[in-house]
C-alpha atoms as a PDB file:
ATOM      1  CA  MET A   1      22.969   7.616  -2.378  1.00  0.00           C
ATOM      2  CA  SER A   2      19.007   7.144  -3.719  1.00  0.00           C
ATOM      3  CA  LEU A   3      16.882   9.343  -1.723  1.00  0.00           C
ATOM      4  CA  ILE A   4      13.148   8.772  -2.817  1.00  0.00           C
ATOM      5  CA  LEU A   5      10.067  10.195  -1.981  1.00  0.00           C
ATOM      6  CA  CYS A   6       7.464   7.666  -0.447  1.00  0.00           C
ATOM      7  CA  ILE A   7       3.412   7.954  -0.658  1.00  0.00           C
ATOM      8  CA  GLU A   8       0.840   5.680   0.120  1.00  0.00           C
ATOM      9  CA  THR A   9      -2.715   7.279   0.612  1.00  0.00           C
ATOM     10  CA  GLY A  10      -5.013   4.457  -0.737  1.00  0.00           C
ATOM     11  CA  THR A  11      -7.214   3.308   2.697  1.00  0.00           C
ATOM     12  CA  ASP A  12      -7.927   5.909   5.329  1.00  0.00           C
ATOM     13  CA  ILE A  13      -4.663   6.011   6.027  1.00  0.00           C
ATOM     14  CA  CYS A  14      -2.977   9.449   4.773  1.00  0.00           C
ATOM     15  CA  SER A  15       1.533   8.431   5.020  1.00  0.00           C
ATOM     16  CA  VAL A  16       4.457   9.735   3.326  1.00  0.00           C
ATOM     17  CA  GLY A  17       8.083   8.764   4.033  1.00  0.00           C
ATOM     18  CA  ILE A  18      11.582   9.272   2.720  1.00  0.00           C
ATOM     19  CA  ALA A  19      14.192   6.731   2.152  1.00  0.00           C
ATOM     20  CA  LYS A  20      17.588   6.743   1.324  1.00  0.00           C
ATOM     21  CA  ASP A  21      19.537   3.588  -0.342  1.00  0.00           C
ATOM     22  CA  GLY A  22      15.324   1.323   0.523  1.00  0.00           C
ATOM     23  CA  GLU A  23      15.486   2.492   4.100  1.00  0.00           C
ATOM     24  CA  LEU A  24      13.547   4.587   5.920  1.00  0.00           C
ATOM     25  CA  ILE A  25      14.720   7.820   6.962  1.00  0.00           C
ATOM     26  CA  SER A  26      11.531   9.768   8.320  1.00  0.00           C
ATOM     27  CA  LEU A  27       7.687   9.307   7.859  1.00  0.00           C
ATOM     28  CA  ARG A  28       4.907  11.568   8.704  1.00  0.00           C
ATOM     29  CA  GLU A  29       1.223   9.363   9.252  1.00  0.00           C
ATOM     30  CA  SER A  30      -2.685  10.371   9.838  1.00  0.00           C
ATOM     31  CA  ASP A  31      -5.659   7.667  10.405  1.00  0.00           C
ATOM     32  CA  GLU A  32      -8.144  10.881  11.244  1.00  0.00           C
ATOM     33  CA  GLY A  33     -10.200   9.829   8.354  1.00  0.00           C
ATOM     34  CA  ARG A  34      -9.647  10.818   4.301  1.00  0.00           C
ATOM     35  CA  ASP A  35      -8.083  14.113   4.734  1.00  0.00           C
ATOM     36  CA  HIS A  36      -6.094  13.441   1.793  1.00  0.00           C
ATOM     37  CA  ALA A  37      -5.854  16.042  -0.358  1.00  0.00           C
ATOM     38  CA  ARG A  38      -5.195  18.496   2.330  1.00  0.00           C
ATOM     39  CA  LYS A  39      -2.754  16.110   4.394  1.00  0.00           C
ATOM     40  CA  VAL A  40      -0.413  15.088   1.978  1.00  0.00           C
ATOM     41  CA  GLY A  41       1.485  18.861   0.313  1.00  0.00           C
ATOM     42  CA  VAL A  42       1.615  19.226   4.180  1.00  0.00           C
ATOM     43  CA  PHE A  43       3.436  15.567   5.340  1.00  0.00           C
ATOM     44  CA  VAL A  44       5.673  16.496   2.336  1.00  0.00           C
ATOM     45  CA  ASP A  45       7.396  19.707   3.279  1.00  0.00           C
ATOM     46  CA  GLU A  46       6.904  18.820   6.788  1.00  0.00           C
ATOM     47  CA  LEU A  47       8.808  16.021   6.070  1.00  0.00           C
ATOM     48  CA  LEU A  48      11.116  18.587   3.487  1.00  0.00           C
ATOM     49  CA  ARG A  49      11.940  20.783   6.520  1.00  0.00           C
ATOM     50  CA  GLU A  50      13.272  18.333   9.166  1.00  0.00           C
ATOM     51  CA  THR A  51      15.344  15.995   6.527  1.00  0.00           C
ATOM     52  CA  GLY A  52      16.996  19.258   5.242  1.00  0.00           C
ATOM     53  CA  ILE A  53      16.404  17.948   1.730  1.00  0.00           C
ATOM     54  CA  ALA A  54      15.212  20.217  -1.036  1.00  0.00           C
ATOM     55  CA  PRO A  55      12.759  18.664  -3.565  1.00  0.00           C
ATOM     56  CA  ASP A  56      15.317  18.707  -6.397  1.00  0.00           C
ATOM     57  CA  GLU A  57      17.845  17.073  -4.345  1.00  0.00           C
ATOM     58  CA  LEU A  58      15.525  13.557  -4.910  1.00  0.00           C
ATOM     59  CA  ASP A  59      16.077  10.970  -7.234  1.00  0.00           C
ATOM     60  CA  ALA A  60      12.191   9.747  -7.647  1.00  0.00           C
ATOM     61  CA  VAL A  61       8.586   9.547  -6.472  1.00  0.00           C
ATOM     62  CA  ALA A  62       7.323   6.295  -5.722  1.00  0.00           C
ATOM     63  CA  VAL A  63       3.573   6.030  -5.070  1.00  0.00           C
ATOM     64  CA  GLY A  64       0.909   3.461  -4.552  1.00  0.00           C
ATOM     65  CA  LYS A  65      -0.899   2.193  -7.035  1.00  0.00           C
ATOM     66  CA  GLY A  66      -3.525   0.852  -5.892  1.00  0.00           C
ATOM     67  CA  PRO A  67      -5.806  -1.659  -5.957  1.00  0.00           C
ATOM     68  CA  GLY A  68      -7.369   0.653  -3.145  1.00  0.00           C
ATOM     69  CA  SER A  69      -9.928   3.865  -2.525  1.00  0.00           C
ATOM     70  CA  TYR A  70     -10.816   5.137  -5.820  1.00  0.00           C
ATOM     71  CA  THR A  71     -10.185   8.879  -4.277  1.00  0.00           C
ATOM     72  CA  GLY A  72      -7.637   8.330  -1.650  1.00  0.00           C
ATOM     73  CA  LEU A  73      -5.324   6.041  -5.229  1.00  0.00           C
ATOM     74  CA  ARG A  74      -6.441   9.084  -7.714  1.00  0.00           C
ATOM     75  CA  ILE A  75      -4.734  11.705  -4.312  1.00  0.00           C
ATOM     76  CA  GLY A  76      -1.929  10.470  -3.862  1.00  0.00           C
ATOM     77  CA  VAL A  77      -0.944   9.296  -7.913  1.00  0.00           C
ATOM     78  CA  SER A  78      -2.225  13.399  -8.921  1.00  0.00           C
ATOM     79  CA  PHE A  79       0.586  14.396  -5.974  1.00  0.00           C
ATOM     80  CA  ALA A  80       3.307  11.872  -7.143  1.00  0.00           C
ATOM     81  CA  LYS A  81       2.837  13.651 -11.022  1.00  0.00           C
ATOM     82  CA  GLY A  82       2.678  16.886 -10.225  1.00  0.00           C
ATOM     83  CA  LEU A  83       6.029  16.984  -8.027  1.00  0.00           C
ATOM     84  CA  CYS A  84       7.602  14.619 -10.864  1.00  0.00           C
ATOM     85  CA  TYR A  85       6.656  16.867 -12.923  1.00  0.00           C
ATOM     86  CA  GLY A  86       7.889  20.137 -11.395  1.00  0.00           C
ATOM     87  CA  THR A  87      11.476  18.608 -10.195  1.00  0.00           C
ATOM     88  CA  LYS A  88      11.977  16.587 -13.034  1.00  0.00           C
ATOM     89  CA  LYS A  89      12.685  13.846 -11.179  1.00  0.00           C
ATOM     90  CA  PRO A  90      11.535   9.992 -11.845  1.00  0.00           C
ATOM     91  CA  LEU A  91       7.921   8.281 -11.521  1.00  0.00           C
ATOM     92  CA  LEU A  92       7.702   4.830  -9.098  1.00  0.00           C
ATOM     93  CA  ALA A  93       4.999   2.777  -9.038  1.00  0.00           C
ATOM     94  CA  VAL A  94       4.310   0.365  -6.504  1.00  0.00           C
ATOM     95  CA  GLY A  95       1.735  -1.763  -5.990  1.00  0.00           C
ATOM     96  CA  SER A  96      -0.185  -0.940  -3.032  1.00  0.00           C
ATOM     97  CA  LEU A  97      -0.568  -4.985  -1.725  1.00  0.00           C
ATOM     98  CA  ASP A  98       3.193  -5.745  -1.893  1.00  0.00           C
ATOM     99  CA  ALA A  99       3.984  -2.916   0.307  1.00  0.00           C
ATOM    100  CA  LEU A 100       1.675  -3.803   2.927  1.00  0.00           C
ATOM    101  CA  ALA A 101       3.030  -7.596   2.978  1.00  0.00           C
ATOM    102  CA  GLU A 102       6.375  -5.683   2.739  1.00  0.00           C
ATOM    103  CA  VAL A 103       5.101  -3.884   5.917  1.00  0.00           C
ATOM    104  CA  ALA A 104       4.345  -7.608   7.521  1.00  0.00           C
ATOM    105  CA  ARG A 105       7.181  -8.669   7.069  1.00  0.00           C
ATOM    106  CA  GLU A 106       9.858  -5.087   8.963  1.00  0.00           C
ATOM    107  CA  ASP A 107       7.458  -5.769  11.717  1.00  0.00           C
ATOM    108  CA  HIS A 108       7.981  -9.378  12.164  1.00  0.00           C
ATOM    109  CA  GLU A 109      12.391  -8.511  11.454  1.00  0.00           C
ATOM    110  CA  ALA A 110      11.416  -5.508  13.975  1.00  0.00           C
ATOM    111  CA  GLY A 111       9.795  -8.520  16.622  1.00  0.00           C
ATOM    112  CA  ILE A 112       6.553  -6.555  16.580  1.00  0.00           C
ATOM    113  CA  VAL A 113       4.580  -8.699  15.174  1.00  0.00           C
ATOM    114  CA  SER A 114       4.824 -12.846  16.694  1.00  0.00           C
ATOM    115  CA  VAL A 115       3.793 -15.357  13.604  1.00  0.00           C
ATOM    116  CA  GLU A 116       4.365 -19.398  14.444  1.00  0.00           C
ATOM    117  CA  ASN A 117       5.977 -20.605  11.747  1.00  0.00           C
ATOM    118  CA  TRP A 118       7.049 -17.735  10.027  1.00  0.00           C
ATOM    119  CA  ASP A 119       9.357 -19.489   7.101  1.00  0.00           C
ATOM    120  CA  ARG A 120       5.833 -21.461   6.139  1.00  0.00           C
ATOM    121  CA  ALA A 121       3.772 -19.026   5.820  1.00  0.00           C
ATOM    122  CA  CYS A 122       1.217 -17.594   3.501  1.00  0.00           C
ATOM    123  CA  LEU A 123       0.871 -13.576   3.957  1.00  0.00           C
ATOM    124  CA  CYS A 124      -2.641 -12.349   2.307  1.00  0.00           C
ATOM    125  CA  PRO A 125      -2.874  -8.827   2.456  1.00  0.00           C
ATOM    126  CA  MET A 126      -7.046  -7.404   2.609  1.00  0.00           C
ATOM    127  CA  VAL A 127      -7.784  -3.683   1.703  1.00  0.00           C
ATOM    128  CA  ASP A 128     -11.130  -3.564   2.424  1.00  0.00           C
ATOM    129  CA  ALA A 129     -13.776  -2.962  -0.934  1.00  0.00           C
ATOM    130  CA  ARG A 130     -17.111  -2.320   1.540  1.00  0.00           C
ATOM    131  CA  ARG A 131     -19.354  -5.435   2.959  1.00  0.00           C
ATOM    132  CA  MET A 132     -17.184  -8.374   2.454  1.00  0.00           C
ATOM    133  CA  GLU A 133     -15.645  -7.828  -0.218  1.00  0.00           C
ATOM    134  CA  VAL A 134     -11.542  -6.863  -0.154  1.00  0.00           C
ATOM    135  CA  TYR A 135      -9.107  -6.136  -2.839  1.00  0.00           C
ATOM    136  CA  THR A 136      -6.430  -8.963  -2.252  1.00  0.00           C
ATOM    137  CA  GLN A 137      -3.331 -10.682  -2.885  1.00  0.00           C
ATOM    138  CA  VAL A 138      -0.909 -14.306  -1.381  1.00  0.00           C
ATOM    139  CA  PHE A 139       2.726 -13.846  -1.028  1.00  0.00           C
ATOM    140  CA  ASP A 140       5.393 -16.055   0.405  1.00  0.00           C
ATOM    141  CA  THR A 141       7.022 -14.222   3.674  1.00  0.00           C
ATOM    142  CA  GLU A 142      10.054 -13.309   1.001  1.00  0.00           C
ATOM    143  CA  GLY A 143       7.665 -10.906  -0.798  1.00  0.00           C
ATOM    144  CA  ASN A 144       7.247 -13.269  -3.917  1.00  0.00           C
ATOM    145  CA  PRO A 145       3.414 -13.274  -4.715  1.00  0.00           C
ATOM    146  CA  GLN A 146       1.628 -16.530  -5.122  1.00  0.00           C
ATOM    147  CA  ASN A 147      -1.694 -15.470  -7.057  1.00  0.00           C
ATOM    148  CA  GLU A 148      -2.670 -13.031  -9.402  1.00  0.00           C
ATOM    149  CA  VAL A 149      -4.381  -9.901  -7.230  1.00  0.00           C
ATOM    150  CA  SER A 150      -7.932 -10.308  -6.963  1.00  0.00           C
ATOM    151  CA  ALA A 151     -11.684  -8.634  -5.775  1.00  0.00           C
ATOM    152  CA  GLU A 152     -12.274 -11.472  -3.647  1.00  0.00           C
ATOM    153  CA  VAL A 153     -15.938 -11.549  -2.135  1.00  0.00           C
ATOM    154  CA  VAL A 154     -14.909 -13.337   1.432  1.00  0.00           C
ATOM    155  CA  ASP A 155     -16.634 -16.748   2.091  1.00  0.00           C
ATOM    156  CA  GLU A 156     -15.251 -19.957   3.773  1.00  0.00           C
ATOM    157  CA  HIS A 157     -13.900 -20.941   0.350  1.00  0.00           C
ATOM    158  CA  THR A 158     -11.603 -18.621  -0.460  1.00  0.00           C
ATOM    159  CA  PHE A 159      -8.029 -19.004  -0.924  1.00  0.00           C
ATOM    160  CA  GLU A 160      -8.679 -22.998   0.844  1.00  0.00           C
ATOM    161  CA  GLN A 161      -6.282 -24.335  -1.850  1.00  0.00           C
ATOM    162  CA  PHE A 162      -3.900 -22.362   0.220  1.00  0.00           C
ATOM    163  CA  ARG A 163      -5.246 -23.213   3.636  1.00  0.00           C
ATOM    164  CA  LYS A 164      -5.760 -26.690   2.767  1.00  0.00           C
ATOM    165  CA  GLU A 165      -1.745 -26.853   2.425  1.00  0.00           C
ATOM    166  CA  GLU A 166      -1.415 -26.852   6.451  1.00  0.00           C
ATOM    167  CA  ARG A 167       1.123 -23.264   6.593  1.00  0.00           C
ATOM    168  CA  PRO A 168      -0.118 -20.820   8.570  1.00  0.00           C
ATOM    169  CA  PHE A 169      -2.284 -18.423   6.672  1.00  0.00           C
ATOM    170  CA  VAL A 170      -2.295 -14.913   7.803  1.00  0.00           C
ATOM    171  CA  ILE A 171      -4.470 -11.966   7.163  1.00  0.00           C
ATOM    172  CA  PHE A 172      -3.594  -8.708   7.804  1.00  0.00           C
ATOM    173  CA  GLY A 173      -4.692  -5.065   6.389  1.00  0.00           C
ATOM    174  CA  ASN A 174      -8.244  -3.201   6.937  1.00  0.00           C
ATOM    175  CA  GLY A 175     -10.685  -5.139   4.998  1.00  0.00           C
ATOM    176  CA  ALA A 176      -9.099  -8.947   7.445  1.00  0.00           C
ATOM    177  CA  ARG A 177     -10.603  -8.728  10.267  1.00  0.00           C
ATOM    178  CA  LYS A 178     -14.426  -8.844   9.096  1.00  0.00           C
ATOM    179  CA  CYS A 179     -13.020 -12.032   7.382  1.00  0.00           C
ATOM    180  CA  LEU A 180     -11.842 -13.538  10.851  1.00  0.00           C
ATOM    181  CA  GLU A 181     -15.285 -15.520  11.145  1.00  0.00           C
ATOM    182  CA  VAL A 182     -15.436 -17.161   7.550  1.00  0.00           C
ATOM    183  CA  MET A 183     -12.038 -17.868   6.342  1.00  0.00           C
ATOM    184  CA  GLN A 184     -11.367 -21.093   9.386  1.00  0.00           C
ATOM    185  CA  GLY A 185      -8.013 -21.547  10.360  1.00  0.00           C
ATOM    186  CA  ALA A 186      -6.936 -17.923   9.288  1.00  0.00           C
ATOM    187  CA  GLN A 187      -4.348 -15.693  11.632  1.00  0.00           C
ATOM    188  CA  TYR A 188      -4.894 -12.647  12.328  1.00  0.00           C
ATOM    189  CA  ILE A 189      -2.029  -9.552  13.147  1.00  0.00           C
ATOM    190  CA  GLU A 190      -2.802  -6.544  13.411  1.00  0.00           C
ATOM    191  CA  VAL A 191      -0.802  -4.596  10.172  1.00  0.00           C
ATOM    192  CA  THR A 192      -1.895  -1.224   8.401  1.00  0.00           C
ATOM    193  CA  PRO A 193      -0.569  -0.241   5.627  1.00  0.00           C
ATOM    194  CA  SER A 194       2.641   2.575   5.246  1.00  0.00           C
ATOM    195  CA  ALA A 195       4.506   4.683   3.091  1.00  0.00           C
ATOM    196  CA  ARG A 196       8.074   2.388   5.152  1.00  0.00           C
ATOM    197  CA  GLY A 197       6.668  -0.115   2.764  1.00  0.00           C
ATOM    198  CA  LEU A 198       7.358   1.313  -0.246  1.00  0.00           C
ATOM    199  CA  ALA A 199      11.159   2.112   0.401  1.00  0.00           C
ATOM    200  CA  ARG A 200      12.926  -1.326   0.115  1.00  0.00           C
ATOM    201  CA  LEU A 201      10.213  -1.852  -3.244  1.00  0.00           C
ATOM    202  CA  ALA A 202      10.747   1.463  -4.327  1.00  0.00           C
ATOM    203  CA  GLN A 203      14.644   1.191  -4.648  1.00  0.00           C
ATOM    204  CA  LYS A 204      14.536  -2.220  -5.434  1.00  0.00           C
ATOM    205  CA  ALA A 205      12.115  -0.069  -8.902  1.00  0.00           C
ATOM    206  CA  LEU A 206      14.738   2.508  -9.155  1.00  0.00           C
ATOM    207  CA  ASP A 207      17.844   0.378  -9.928  1.00  0.00           C
ATOM    208  CA  GLU A 208      15.937  -1.787 -12.333  1.00  0.00           C
ATOM    209  CA  GLY A 209      15.288   1.168 -13.837  1.00  0.00           C
ATOM    210  CA  ARG A 210      11.342   0.057 -13.949  1.00  0.00           C
ATOM    211  CA  LYS A 211       9.765   3.980 -14.093  1.00  0.00           C
ATOM    212  CA  GLU A 212       6.495   4.959 -14.284  1.00  0.00           C
ATOM    213  CA  ASP A 213       5.790   7.445 -17.599  1.00  0.00           C
ATOM    214  CA  ILE A 214       4.508  10.665 -15.924  1.00  0.00           C
ATOM    215  CA  ALA A 215       1.589  11.763 -18.315  1.00  0.00           C
ATOM    216  CA  TYR A 216      -0.260   8.829 -19.178  1.00  0.00           C
ATOM    217  CA  PHE A 217       0.279   6.250 -15.897  1.00  0.00           C
ATOM    218  CA  GLU A 218      -3.168   6.211 -14.189  1.00  0.00           C
ATOM    219  CA  PRO A 219      -3.369   4.269 -10.248  1.00  0.00           C
ATOM    220  CA  PHE A 220      -4.588   0.974 -10.646  1.00  0.00           C
ATOM    221  CA  TYR A 221      -7.945   0.621  -9.651  1.00  0.00           C
ATOM    222  CA  LEU A 222      -8.962  -3.255 -10.113  1.00  0.00           C
ATOM    223  CA  LYS A 223     -12.885  -2.498 -10.569  1.00  0.00           C
ATOM    224  CA  ASP A 224     -14.538   0.165 -12.629  1.00  0.00           C
ATOM    225  CA  PHE A 225     -15.487   3.645 -10.141  1.00  0.00           C
ATOM    226  CA  VAL A 226     -18.723   3.133  -9.512  1.00  0.00           C
ATOM    227  CA  VAL A 227     -20.991   6.463  -9.725  1.00  0.00           C
ATOM    228  CA  THR A 228     -24.138   5.871  -7.371  1.00  0.00           C
ATOM    229  CA  LYS A 229     -27.276   8.377  -7.625  1.00  0.00           C
ATOM    230  CA  SER A 230     -29.135  10.100  -4.776  1.00  0.00           C
ATOM    231  CA  LYS A 231     -31.821   9.003  -3.961  1.00  0.00           C
ATOM    232  CA  LYS A 232     -32.932  12.603  -2.651  1.00  0.00           C
ATOM    233  CA  LYS A 233     -35.056  14.666  -4.012  1.00  0.00           C
ATOM    234  CA  LEU A 234     -32.526  18.394  -4.191  1.00  0.00           C
ATOM    235  CA  PHE A 235     -35.086  20.239  -6.329  1.00  0.00           C
END
């Protein structure tokens, strides 16, 4: 039996769950803005109390590694690393776009979302990167990536090669809705980032021994963090 704590904080949603053998058994989430630094610890404490699991009974801690919000990723990864140091448990990292595609797959399995010709569909999770830019990747419905992770400024030609294949091209995530007008033929479904998308992928990583170096692991930002100078005169 494997118990894995799953943490996803790469967007406005702060999500923490506990998975047993790849199946989620408890979940806490909030979409009330970027208060992740305060909420992630509270959620972990609530889940451990609710399930009666002690921290040292966990087999691993999994975290969404990005791409996503710089600050959100730092919070989630820092908390996960600290917990791993304290409990001497392994750290597992799951791509946030992989996890978002996994949520879409689970929602379809549960009948929450419906897509005609699902088996032939291209799944395209999109994480907002401001304006018309998104962090994105294309997957098949088995969760296999069809291209590399990229930061795309979306226009009518974005992923045109996939959309010309006469397969359902399904977009979702907090960067997807704004792209509907320019991506002809794309189908939007309501799917949001969640720690539940990490459960099966984290179990697979643990089974395959894909553990991260706690000291040196960094989130996958995809783009460098840029500090902008304030235009306000402070003095």
